[in-house]
Amino acid sequence: MRKLDKAIIWPIYFDSAKTRKEGRRIPKNMAVQSPKIAEIKEAADKLGLKNEINLEAHFPKIPWVKSGMLLVEKTEAKEKIIQKIARQLIKVKSQQQQQPTKR
């Protein structure tokens, strides 16, 4: 059996409000509050990962919520990719909080 050359990344992997059982895949100290798929894409872009976004996707455990998903080209193990995106996502979220909102 051939391994897929793309890893599926869901926003719930990085959500600090979720438990491991609900789908979080990183330690709570690396998780962020309510991550958006656009923020995850931005983090992957900054890391130079080839990716594509699917906004209509539903996480299997919560099929009634369209959370979207990110398909990332696999260059290493999926867990390592998730860890890298998590570290970059923290930076992306902190930059967004520092910028004043326009009204």
PDB file of N, CA and C in Angstrom:
ATOM      1  N   MET A   1       0.842  -1.184   0.000  1.00  0.00           N
ATOM      2  CA  MET A   1       0.000   0.000   0.000  1.00  0.00           C
ATOM      3  C   MET A   1       0.889   1.251   0.000  1.00  0.00           C
ATOM      4  N   ARG A   2       0.599   2.165  -0.879  1.00  0.00           N
ATOM      5  CA  ARG A   2       1.373   3.395  -1.007  1.00  0.00           C
ATOM      6  C   ARG A   2       0.830   4.465  -0.067  1.00  0.00           C
ATOM      7  N   LYS A   3       1.714   5.176   0.606  1.00  0.00           N
ATOM      8  CA  LYS A   3       1.277   6.247   1.505  1.00  0.00           C
ATOM      9  C   LYS A   3       0.835   7.455   0.692  1.00  0.00           C
ATOM     10  N   LEU A   4      -0.096   8.180   1.214  1.00  0.00           N
ATOM     11  CA  LEU A   4      -0.544   9.414   0.566  1.00  0.00           C
ATOM     12  C   LEU A   4       0.564  10.450   0.597  1.00  0.00           C
ATOM     13  N   ASP A   5       0.639  11.251  -0.444  1.00  0.00           N
ATOM     14  CA  ASP A   5       1.661  12.287  -0.476  1.00  0.00           C
ATOM     15  C   ASP A   5       1.139  13.618   0.059  1.00  0.00           C
ATOM     16  N   LYS A   6      -0.080  13.610   0.612  1.00  0.00           N
ATOM     17  CA  LYS A   6      -0.633  14.813   1.225  1.00  0.00           C
ATOM     18  C   LYS A   6      -1.161  14.477   2.620  1.00  0.00           C
ATOM     19  N   ALA A   7      -0.958  15.404   3.544  1.00  0.00           N
ATOM     20  CA  ALA A   7      -1.467  15.240   4.916  1.00  0.00           C
ATOM     21  C   ALA A   7      -2.670  16.157   5.084  1.00  0.00           C
ATOM     22  N   ILE A   8      -3.710  15.647   5.705  1.00  0.00           N
ATOM     23  CA  ILE A   8      -4.903  16.447   5.974  1.00  0.00           C
ATOM     24  C   ILE A   8      -4.731  17.096   7.343  1.00  0.00           C
ATOM     25  N   ILE A   9      -4.875  18.422   7.367  1.00  0.00           N
ATOM     26  CA  ILE A   9      -4.731  19.186   8.607  1.00  0.00           C
ATOM     27  C   ILE A   9      -6.073  19.850   8.923  1.00  0.00           C
ATOM     28  N   TRP A  10      -6.606  19.557  10.093  1.00  0.00           N
ATOM     29  CA  TRP A  10      -7.886  20.123  10.538  1.00  0.00           C
ATOM     30  C   TRP A  10      -7.640  21.188  11.603  1.00  0.00           C
ATOM     31  N   PRO A  11      -8.467  22.247  11.649  1.00  0.00           N
ATOM     32  CA  PRO A  11      -8.320  23.283  12.685  1.00  0.00           C
ATOM     33  C   PRO A  11      -8.442  22.744  14.109  1.00  0.00           C
ATOM     34  N   ILE A  12      -9.236  21.713  14.299  1.00  0.00           N
ATOM     35  CA  ILE A  12      -9.441  21.165  15.642  1.00  0.00           C
ATOM     36  C   ILE A  12      -8.140  20.622  16.242  1.00  0.00           C
ATOM     37  N   TYR A  13      -7.158  20.275  15.411  1.00  0.00           N
ATOM     38  CA  TYR A  13      -5.871  19.788  15.903  1.00  0.00           C
ATOM     39  C   TYR A  13      -5.174  20.812  16.805  1.00  0.00           C
ATOM     40  N   PHE A  14      -5.482  22.102  16.589  1.00  0.00           N
ATOM     41  CA  PHE A  14      -4.771  23.194  17.254  1.00  0.00           C
ATOM     42  C   PHE A  14      -5.635  23.941  18.268  1.00  0.00           C
ATOM     43  N   ASP A  15      -6.868  23.490  18.508  1.00  0.00           N
ATOM     44  CA  ASP A  15      -7.830  24.217  19.354  1.00  0.00           C
ATOM     45  C   ASP A  15      -7.622  23.908  20.838  1.00  0.00           C
ATOM     46  N   SER A  16      -7.290  24.943  21.601  1.00  0.00           N
ATOM     47  CA  SER A  16      -7.029  24.769  23.035  1.00  0.00           C
ATOM     48  C   SER A  16      -8.290  24.420  23.824  1.00  0.00           C
ATOM     49  N   ALA A  17      -9.462  24.683  23.267  1.00  0.00           N
ATOM     50  CA  ALA A  17     -10.710  24.385  23.964  1.00  0.00           C
ATOM     51  C   ALA A  17     -11.115  22.915  23.819  1.00  0.00           C
ATOM     52  N   LYS A  18     -10.420  22.177  22.972  1.00  0.00           N
ATOM     53  CA  LYS A  18     -10.752  20.774  22.737  1.00  0.00           C
ATOM     54  C   LYS A  18      -9.797  19.858  23.500  1.00  0.00           C
ATOM     55  N   THR A  19     -10.289  18.675  23.811  1.00  0.00           N
ATOM     56  CA  THR A  19      -9.455  17.675  24.471  1.00  0.00           C
ATOM     57  C   THR A  19      -8.803  16.791  23.405  1.00  0.00           C
ATOM     58  N   ARG A  20      -7.860  15.977  23.825  1.00  0.00           N
ATOM     59  CA  ARG A  20      -7.235  15.032  22.895  1.00  0.00           C
ATOM     60  C   ARG A  20      -8.296  14.076  22.332  1.00  0.00           C
ATOM     61  N   LYS A  21      -9.230  13.680  23.165  1.00  0.00           N
ATOM     62  CA  LYS A  21     -10.286  12.769  22.732  1.00  0.00           C
ATOM     63  C   LYS A  21     -11.185  13.416  21.672  1.00  0.00           C
ATOM     64  N   GLU A  22     -11.369  14.725  21.774  1.00  0.00           N
ATOM     65  CA  GLU A  22     -12.206  15.446  20.801  1.00  0.00           C
ATOM     66  C   GLU A  22     -11.462  15.733  19.500  1.00  0.00           C
ATOM     67  N   GLY A  23     -10.134  15.572  19.503  1.00  0.00           N
ATOM     68  CA  GLY A  23      -9.405  15.731  18.256  1.00  0.00           C
ATOM     69  C   GLY A  23      -8.156  16.591  18.295  1.00  0.00           C
ATOM     70  N   ARG A  24      -7.847  17.235  19.438  1.00  0.00           N
ATOM     71  CA  ARG A  24      -6.632  18.045  19.511  1.00  0.00           C
ATOM     72  C   ARG A  24      -5.426  17.130  19.406  1.00  0.00           C
ATOM     73  N   ARG A  25      -4.415  17.502  18.601  1.00  0.00           N
ATOM     74  CA  ARG A  25      -3.264  16.621  18.379  1.00  0.00           C
ATOM     75  C   ARG A  25      -1.957  17.171  18.940  1.00  0.00           C
ATOM     76  N   ILE A  26      -2.002  18.348  19.546  1.00  0.00           N
ATOM     77  CA  ILE A  26      -0.783  18.957  20.086  1.00  0.00           C
ATOM     78  C   ILE A  26      -0.966  19.222  21.574  1.00  0.00           C
ATOM     79  N   PRO A  27       0.126  19.432  22.314  1.00  0.00           N
ATOM     80  CA  PRO A  27      -0.007  19.755  23.744  1.00  0.00           C
ATOM     81  C   PRO A  27      -0.793  21.056  23.942  1.00  0.00           C
ATOM     82  N   LYS A  28      -1.478  21.133  25.037  1.00  0.00           N
ATOM     83  CA  LYS A  28      -2.320  22.299  25.317  1.00  0.00           C
ATOM     84  C   LYS A  28      -1.520  23.602  25.344  1.00  0.00           C
ATOM     85  N   ASN A  29      -0.252  23.561  25.763  1.00  0.00           N
ATOM     86  CA  ASN A  29       0.541  24.787  25.821  1.00  0.00           C
ATOM     87  C   ASN A  29       0.947  25.279  24.419  1.00  0.00           C
ATOM     88  N   MET A  30       0.776  24.459  23.400  1.00  0.00           N
ATOM     89  CA  MET A  30       1.062  24.872  22.020  1.00  0.00           C
ATOM     90  C   MET A  30      -0.213  25.197  21.252  1.00  0.00           C
ATOM     91  N   ALA A  31      -1.362  24.936  21.852  1.00  0.00           N
ATOM     92  CA  ALA A  31      -2.648  25.153  21.192  1.00  0.00           C
ATOM     93  C   ALA A  31      -3.068  26.616  21.286  1.00  0.00           C
ATOM     94  N   VAL A  32      -3.952  27.026  20.378  1.00  0.00           N
ATOM     95  CA  VAL A  32      -4.477  28.388  20.369  1.00  0.00           C
ATOM     96  C   VAL A  32      -5.999  28.335  20.482  1.00  0.00           C
ATOM     97  N   GLN A  33      -6.573  29.476  20.794  1.00  0.00           N
ATOM     98  CA  GLN A  33      -8.019  29.544  20.972  1.00  0.00           C
ATOM     99  C   GLN A  33      -8.710  29.749  19.628  1.00  0.00           C
ATOM    100  N   SER A  34      -9.647  28.898  19.296  1.00  0.00           N
ATOM    101  CA  SER A  34     -10.471  28.975  18.087  1.00  0.00           C
ATOM    102  C   SER A  34      -9.670  29.273  16.813  1.00  0.00           C
ATOM    103  N   PRO A  35      -8.806  28.365  16.398  1.00  0.00           N
ATOM    104  CA  PRO A  35      -8.033  28.620  15.177  1.00  0.00           C
ATOM    105  C   PRO A  35      -8.924  28.564  13.938  1.00  0.00           C
ATOM    106  N   LYS A  36      -8.687  29.449  13.013  1.00  0.00           N
ATOM    107  CA  LYS A  36      -9.427  29.489  11.746  1.00  0.00           C
ATOM    108  C   LYS A  36      -8.573  28.824  10.673  1.00  0.00           C
ATOM    109  N   ILE A  37      -9.216  28.252   9.682  1.00  0.00           N
ATOM    110  CA  ILE A  37      -8.489  27.564   8.616  1.00  0.00           C
ATOM    111  C   ILE A  37      -7.591  28.547   7.852  1.00  0.00           C
ATOM    112  N   ALA A  38      -8.017  29.800   7.726  1.00  0.00           N
ATOM    113  CA  ALA A  38      -7.203  30.816   7.036  1.00  0.00           C
ATOM    114  C   ALA A  38      -5.909  31.091   7.806  1.00  0.00           C
ATOM    115  N   GLU A  39      -5.983  31.078   9.138  1.00  0.00           N
ATOM    116  CA  GLU A  39      -4.786  31.290   9.963  1.00  0.00           C
ATOM    117  C   GLU A  39      -3.823  30.111   9.827  1.00  0.00           C
ATOM    118  N   ILE A  40      -4.370  28.926   9.744  1.00  0.00           N
ATOM    119  CA  ILE A  40      -3.537  27.736   9.585  1.00  0.00           C
ATOM    120  C   ILE A  40      -2.865  27.752   8.214  1.00  0.00           C
ATOM    121  N   LYS A  41      -3.607  28.182   7.191  1.00  0.00           N
ATOM    122  CA  LYS A  41      -3.029  28.303   5.848  1.00  0.00           C
ATOM    123  C   LYS A  41      -1.904  29.335   5.842  1.00  0.00           C
ATOM    124  N   GLU A  42      -2.119  30.456   6.520  1.00  0.00           N
ATOM    125  CA  GLU A  42      -1.085  31.491   6.611  1.00  0.00           C
ATOM    126  C   GLU A  42       0.176  30.939   7.278  1.00  0.00           C
ATOM    127  N   ALA A  43       0.002  30.161   8.340  1.00  0.00           N
ATOM    128  CA  ALA A  43       1.139  29.557   9.038  1.00  0.00           C
ATOM    129  C   ALA A  43       1.879  28.582   8.122  1.00  0.00           C
ATOM    130  N   ALA A  44       1.133  27.775   7.373  1.00  0.00           N
ATOM    131  CA  ALA A  44       1.749  26.819   6.451  1.00  0.00           C
ATOM    132  C   ALA A  44       2.483  27.549   5.329  1.00  0.00           C
ATOM    133  N   ASP A  45       1.896  28.649   4.841  1.00  0.00           N
ATOM    134  CA  ASP A  45       2.547  29.447   3.792  1.00  0.00           C
ATOM    135  C   ASP A  45       3.864  30.033   4.290  1.00  0.00           C
ATOM    136  N   LYS A  46       3.858  30.543   5.525  1.00  0.00           N
ATOM    137  CA  LYS A  46       5.075  31.129   6.092  1.00  0.00           C
ATOM    138  C   LYS A  46       6.170  30.084   6.284  1.00  0.00           C
ATOM    139  N   LEU A  47       5.772  28.827   6.465  1.00  0.00           N
ATOM    140  CA  LEU A  47       6.743  27.744   6.607  1.00  0.00           C
ATOM    141  C   LEU A  47       7.224  27.230   5.251  1.00  0.00           C
ATOM    142  N   GLY A  48       6.595  27.717   4.191  1.00  0.00           N
ATOM    143  CA  GLY A  48       6.978  27.289   2.849  1.00  0.00           C
ATOM    144  C   GLY A  48       6.423  25.927   2.461  1.00  0.00           C
ATOM    145  N   LEU A  49       5.359  25.499   3.125  1.00  0.00           N
ATOM    146  CA  LEU A  49       4.739  24.212   2.808  1.00  0.00           C
ATOM    147  C   LEU A  49       3.756  24.376   1.659  1.00  0.00           C
ATOM    148  N   LYS A  50       3.830  23.493   0.672  1.00  0.00           N
ATOM    149  CA  LYS A  50       2.865  23.510  -0.426  1.00  0.00           C
ATOM    150  C   LYS A  50       1.541  23.010   0.134  1.00  0.00           C
ATOM    151  N   ASN A  51       0.480  23.791  -0.080  1.00  0.00           N
ATOM    152  CA  ASN A  51      -0.805  23.420   0.494  1.00  0.00           C
ATOM    153  C   ASN A  51      -1.957  23.890  -0.357  1.00  0.00           C
ATOM    154  N   GLU A  52      -3.107  23.313  -0.114  1.00  0.00           N
ATOM    155  CA  GLU A  52      -4.350  23.766  -0.723  1.00  0.00           C
ATOM    156  C   GLU A  52      -5.449  23.670   0.327  1.00  0.00           C
ATOM    157  N   ILE A  53      -6.417  24.559   0.207  1.00  0.00           N
ATOM    158  CA  ILE A  53      -7.457  24.670   1.225  1.00  0.00           C
ATOM    159  C   ILE A  53      -8.778  24.128   0.674  1.00  0.00           C
ATOM    160  N   ASN A  54      -9.560  23.504   1.528  1.00  0.00           N
ATOM    161  CA  ASN A  54     -10.898  23.040   1.181  1.00  0.00           C
ATOM    162  C   ASN A  54     -11.836  23.569   2.261  1.00  0.00           C
ATOM    163  N   LEU A  55     -12.601  24.603   1.933  1.00  0.00           N
ATOM    164  CA  LEU A  55     -13.461  25.260   2.916  1.00  0.00           C
ATOM    165  C   LEU A  55     -14.746  24.490   3.219  1.00  0.00           C
ATOM    166  N   GLU A  56     -15.116  23.550   2.357  1.00  0.00           N
ATOM    167  CA  GLU A  56     -16.379  22.825   2.522  1.00  0.00           C
ATOM    168  C   GLU A  56     -16.250  21.541   3.345  1.00  0.00           C
ATOM    169  N   ALA A  57     -15.068  21.217   3.812  1.00  0.00           N
ATOM    170  CA  ALA A  57     -14.835  19.951   4.517  1.00  0.00           C
ATOM    171  C   ALA A  57     -15.388  19.980   5.938  1.00  0.00           C
ATOM    172  N   HIS A  58     -15.802  18.812   6.400  1.00  0.00           N
ATOM    173  CA  HIS A  58     -16.337  18.614   7.753  1.00  0.00           C
ATOM    174  C   HIS A  58     -15.424  17.656   8.497  1.00  0.00           C
ATOM    175  N   PHE A  59     -15.023  18.008   9.713  1.00  0.00           N
ATOM    176  CA  PHE A  59     -14.236  17.090  10.536  1.00  0.00           C
ATOM    177  C   PHE A  59     -15.125  15.889  10.858  1.00  0.00           C
ATOM    178  N   PRO A  60     -14.645  14.659  10.693  1.00  0.00           N
ATOM    179  CA  PRO A  60     -15.496  13.477  10.854  1.00  0.00           C
ATOM    180  C   PRO A  60     -16.255  13.371  12.180  1.00  0.00           C
ATOM    181  N   LYS A  61     -15.672  13.826  13.293  1.00  0.00           N
ATOM    182  CA  LYS A  61     -16.359  13.720  14.583  1.00  0.00           C
ATOM    183  C   LYS A  61     -17.470  14.759  14.750  1.00  0.00           C
ATOM    184  N   ILE A  62     -17.422  15.858  13.984  1.00  0.00           N
ATOM    185  CA  ILE A  62     -18.464  16.891  14.057  1.00  0.00           C
ATOM    186  C   ILE A  62     -18.892  17.264  12.626  1.00  0.00           C
ATOM    187  N   PRO A  63     -19.633  16.346  11.958  1.00  0.00           N
ATOM    188  CA  PRO A  63     -19.978  16.560  10.550  1.00  0.00           C
ATOM    189  C   PRO A  63     -20.951  17.711  10.289  1.00  0.00           C
ATOM    190  N   TRP A  64     -21.578  18.249  11.313  1.00  0.00           N
ATOM    191  CA  TRP A  64     -22.514  19.351  11.122  1.00  0.00           C
ATOM    192  C   TRP A  64     -21.824  20.712  11.076  1.00  0.00           C
ATOM    193  N   VAL A  65     -20.514  20.765  11.318  1.00  0.00           N
ATOM    194  CA  VAL A  65     -19.762  22.025  11.295  1.00  0.00           C
ATOM    195  C   VAL A  65     -18.781  22.007  10.125  1.00  0.00           C
ATOM    196  N   LYS A  66     -18.888  23.000   9.249  1.00  0.00           N
ATOM    197  CA  LYS A  66     -17.934  23.128   8.145  1.00  0.00           C
ATOM    198  C   LYS A  66     -16.708  23.870   8.657  1.00  0.00           C
ATOM    199  N   SER A  67     -15.709  23.112   9.061  1.00  0.00           N
ATOM    200  CA  SER A  67     -14.507  23.730   9.619  1.00  0.00           C
ATOM    201  C   SER A  67     -13.465  24.002   8.548  1.00  0.00           C
ATOM    202  N   GLY A  68     -13.546  23.288   7.451  1.00  0.00           N
ATOM    203  CA  GLY A  68     -12.536  23.390   6.408  1.00  0.00           C
ATOM    204  C   GLY A  68     -11.344  22.520   6.760  1.00  0.00           C
ATOM    205  N   MET A  69     -10.500  22.253   5.754  1.00  0.00           N
ATOM    206  CA  MET A  69      -9.286  21.476   5.994  1.00  0.00           C
ATOM    207  C   MET A  69      -8.184  21.967   5.073  1.00  0.00           C
ATOM    208  N   LEU A  70      -6.977  21.663   5.445  1.00  0.00           N
ATOM    209  CA  LEU A  70      -5.814  22.050   4.662  1.00  0.00           C
ATOM    210  C   LEU A  70      -5.090  20.779   4.231  1.00  0.00           C
ATOM    211  N   LEU A  71      -4.828  20.675   2.937  1.00  0.00           N
ATOM    212  CA  LEU A  71      -4.048  19.557   2.417  1.00  0.00           C
ATOM    213  C   LEU A  71      -2.619  20.042   2.244  1.00  0.00           C
ATOM    214  N   VAL A  72      -1.691  19.418   2.939  1.00  0.00           N
ATOM    215  CA  VAL A  72      -0.294  19.828   2.918  1.00  0.00           C
ATOM    216  C   VAL A  72       0.533  18.710   2.295  1.00  0.00           C
ATOM    217  N   GLU A  73       1.427  19.099   1.387  1.00  0.00           N
ATOM    218  CA  GLU A  73       2.303  18.101   0.781  1.00  0.00           C
ATOM    219  C   GLU A  73       3.213  17.516   1.848  1.00  0.00           C
ATOM    220  N   LYS A  74       3.271  16.176   1.914  1.00  0.00           N
ATOM    221  CA  LYS A  74       4.062  15.498   2.943  1.00  0.00           C
ATOM    222  C   LYS A  74       5.525  15.463   2.542  1.00  0.00           C
ATOM    223  N   THR A  75       6.348  16.112   3.341  1.00  0.00           N
ATOM    224  CA  THR A  75       7.787  16.038   3.150  1.00  0.00           C
ATOM    225  C   THR A  75       8.426  15.300   4.325  1.00  0.00           C
ATOM    226  N   GLU A  76       7.627  15.130   5.387  1.00  0.00           N
ATOM    227  CA  GLU A  76       8.059  14.407   6.581  1.00  0.00           C
ATOM    228  C   GLU A  76       6.823  13.860   7.269  1.00  0.00           C
ATOM    229  N   ALA A  77       6.974  13.289   8.434  1.00  0.00           N
ATOM    230  CA  ALA A  77       5.850  12.703   9.160  1.00  0.00           C
ATOM    231  C   ALA A  77       4.783  13.759   9.467  1.00  0.00           C
ATOM    232  N   LYS A  78       3.541  13.337   9.437  1.00  0.00           N
ATOM    233  CA  LYS A  78       2.428  14.253   9.674  1.00  0.00           C
ATOM    234  C   LYS A  78       2.539  14.941  11.038  1.00  0.00           C
ATOM    235  N   GLU A  79       2.947  14.218  12.061  1.00  0.00           N
ATOM    236  CA  GLU A  79       3.068  14.803  13.399  1.00  0.00           C
ATOM    237  C   GLU A  79       4.103  15.925  13.426  1.00  0.00           C
ATOM    238  N   LYS A  80       5.192  15.769  12.698  1.00  0.00           N
ATOM    239  CA  LYS A  80       6.202  16.823  12.634  1.00  0.00           C
ATOM    240  C   LYS A  80       5.651  18.051  11.920  1.00  0.00           C
ATOM    241  N   ILE A  81       4.867  17.833  10.868  1.00  0.00           N
ATOM    242  CA  ILE A  81       4.241  18.946  10.141  1.00  0.00           C
ATOM    243  C   ILE A  81       3.282  19.682  11.067  1.00  0.00           C
ATOM    244  N   ILE A  82       2.478  18.937  11.823  1.00  0.00           N
ATOM    245  CA  ILE A  82       1.516  19.540  12.757  1.00  0.00           C
ATOM    246  C   ILE A  82       2.249  20.367  13.812  1.00  0.00           C
ATOM    247  N   GLN A  83       3.350  19.849  14.349  1.00  0.00           N
ATOM    248  CA  GLN A  83       4.127  20.572  15.359  1.00  0.00           C
ATOM    249  C   GLN A  83       4.674  21.889  14.797  1.00  0.00           C
ATOM    250  N   LYS A  84       5.206  21.848  13.572  1.00  0.00           N
ATOM    251  CA  LYS A  84       5.750  23.059  12.941  1.00  0.00           C
ATOM    252  C   LYS A  84       4.655  24.099  12.723  1.00  0.00           C
ATOM    253  N   ILE A  85       3.507  23.636  12.208  1.00  0.00           N
ATOM    254  CA  ILE A  85       2.389  24.560  11.966  1.00  0.00           C
ATOM    255  C   ILE A  85       1.917  25.148  13.291  1.00  0.00           C
ATOM    256  N   ALA A  86       1.872  24.343  14.353  1.00  0.00           N
ATOM    257  CA  ALA A  86       1.431  24.816  15.670  1.00  0.00           C
ATOM    258  C   ALA A  86       2.318  25.953  16.176  1.00  0.00           C
ATOM    259  N   ARG A  87       3.639  25.780  16.047  1.00  0.00           N
ATOM    260  CA  ARG A  87       4.564  26.828  16.498  1.00  0.00           C
ATOM    261  C   ARG A  87       4.382  28.110  15.681  1.00  0.00           C
ATOM    262  N   GLN A  88       4.197  27.956  14.383  1.00  0.00           N
ATOM    263  CA  GLN A  88       4.010  29.122  13.520  1.00  0.00           C
ATOM    264  C   GLN A  88       2.643  29.764  13.768  1.00  0.00           C
ATOM    265  N   LEU A  89       1.636  28.953  14.052  1.00  0.00           N
ATOM    266  CA  LEU A  89       0.287  29.457  14.303  1.00  0.00           C
ATOM    267  C   LEU A  89       0.255  30.355  15.539  1.00  0.00           C
ATOM    268  N   ILE A  90       1.029  30.016  16.556  1.00  0.00           N
ATOM    269  CA  ILE A  90       1.126  30.860  17.753  1.00  0.00           C
ATOM    270  C   ILE A  90       1.627  32.247  17.360  1.00  0.00           C
ATOM    271  N   LYS A  91       2.645  32.289  16.483  1.00  0.00           N
ATOM    272  CA  LYS A  91       3.189  33.570  16.020  1.00  0.00           C
ATOM    273  C   LYS A  91       2.162  34.350  15.207  1.00  0.00           C
ATOM    274  N   VAL A  92       1.433  33.661  14.334  1.00  0.00           N
ATOM    275  CA  VAL A  92       0.410  34.306  13.501  1.00  0.00           C
ATOM    276  C   VAL A  92      -0.680  34.914  14.382  1.00  0.00           C
ATOM    277  N   LYS A  93      -1.145  34.154  15.372  1.00  0.00           N
ATOM    278  CA  LYS A  93      -2.204  34.647  16.271  1.00  0.00           C
ATOM    279  C   LYS A  93      -1.723  35.843  17.093  1.00  0.00           C
ATOM    280  N   SER A  94      -0.475  35.803  17.568  1.00  0.00           N
ATOM    281  CA  SER A  94       0.029  36.917  18.370  1.00  0.00           C
ATOM    282  C   SER A  94       0.198  38.172  17.520  1.00  0.00           C
ATOM    283  N   GLN A  95       0.578  38.035  16.257  1.00  0.00           N
ATOM    284  CA  GLN A  95       0.684  39.189  15.359  1.00  0.00           C
ATOM    285  C   GLN A  95      -0.685  39.806  15.105  1.00  0.00           C
ATOM    286  N   GLN A  96      -1.703  38.958  14.969  1.00  0.00           N
ATOM    287  CA  GLN A  96      -3.054  39.458  14.741  1.00  0.00           C
ATOM    288  C   GLN A  96      -3.573  40.235  15.955  1.00  0.00           C
ATOM    289  N   GLN A  97      -3.223  39.787  17.144  1.00  0.00           N
ATOM    290  CA  GLN A  97      -3.689  40.454  18.355  1.00  0.00           C
ATOM    291  C   GLN A  97      -2.992  41.793  18.560  1.00  0.00           C
ATOM    292  N   GLN A  98      -1.772  41.919  18.056  1.00  0.00           N
ATOM    293  CA  GLN A  98      -1.034  43.168  18.208  1.00  0.00           C
ATOM    294  C   GLN A  98      -1.511  44.245  17.245  1.00  0.00           C
ATOM    295  N   GLN A  99      -2.050  43.815  16.089  1.00  0.00           N
ATOM    296  CA  GLN A  99      -2.521  44.797  15.110  1.00  0.00           C
ATOM    297  C   GLN A  99      -3.861  45.358  15.548  1.00  0.00           C
ATOM    298  N   PRO A 100      -4.002  46.693  15.500  1.00  0.00           N
ATOM    299  CA  PRO A 100      -5.303  47.289  15.852  1.00  0.00           C
ATOM    300  C   PRO A 100      -6.333  46.962  14.784  1.00  0.00           C
ATOM    301  N   THR A 101      -7.560  46.726  15.216  1.00  0.00           N
ATOM    302  CA  THR A 101      -8.629  46.415  14.269  1.00  0.00           C
ATOM    303  C   THR A 101      -9.166  47.692  13.635  1.00  0.00           C
ATOM    304  N   LYS A 102      -9.509  47.603  12.376  1.00  0.00           N
ATOM    305  CA  LYS A 102     -10.063  48.755  11.647  1.00  0.00           C
ATOM    306  C   LYS A 102     -11.579  48.731  11.772  1.00  0.00           C
ATOM    307  N   ARG A 103     -12.154  49.903  11.925  1.00  0.00           N
ATOM    308  CA  ARG A 103     -13.614  49.995  12.009  1.00  0.00           C
ATOM    309  C   ARG A 103     -14.151  50.849  10.916  1.00  0.00           C
TER     310      ARG A 103
END
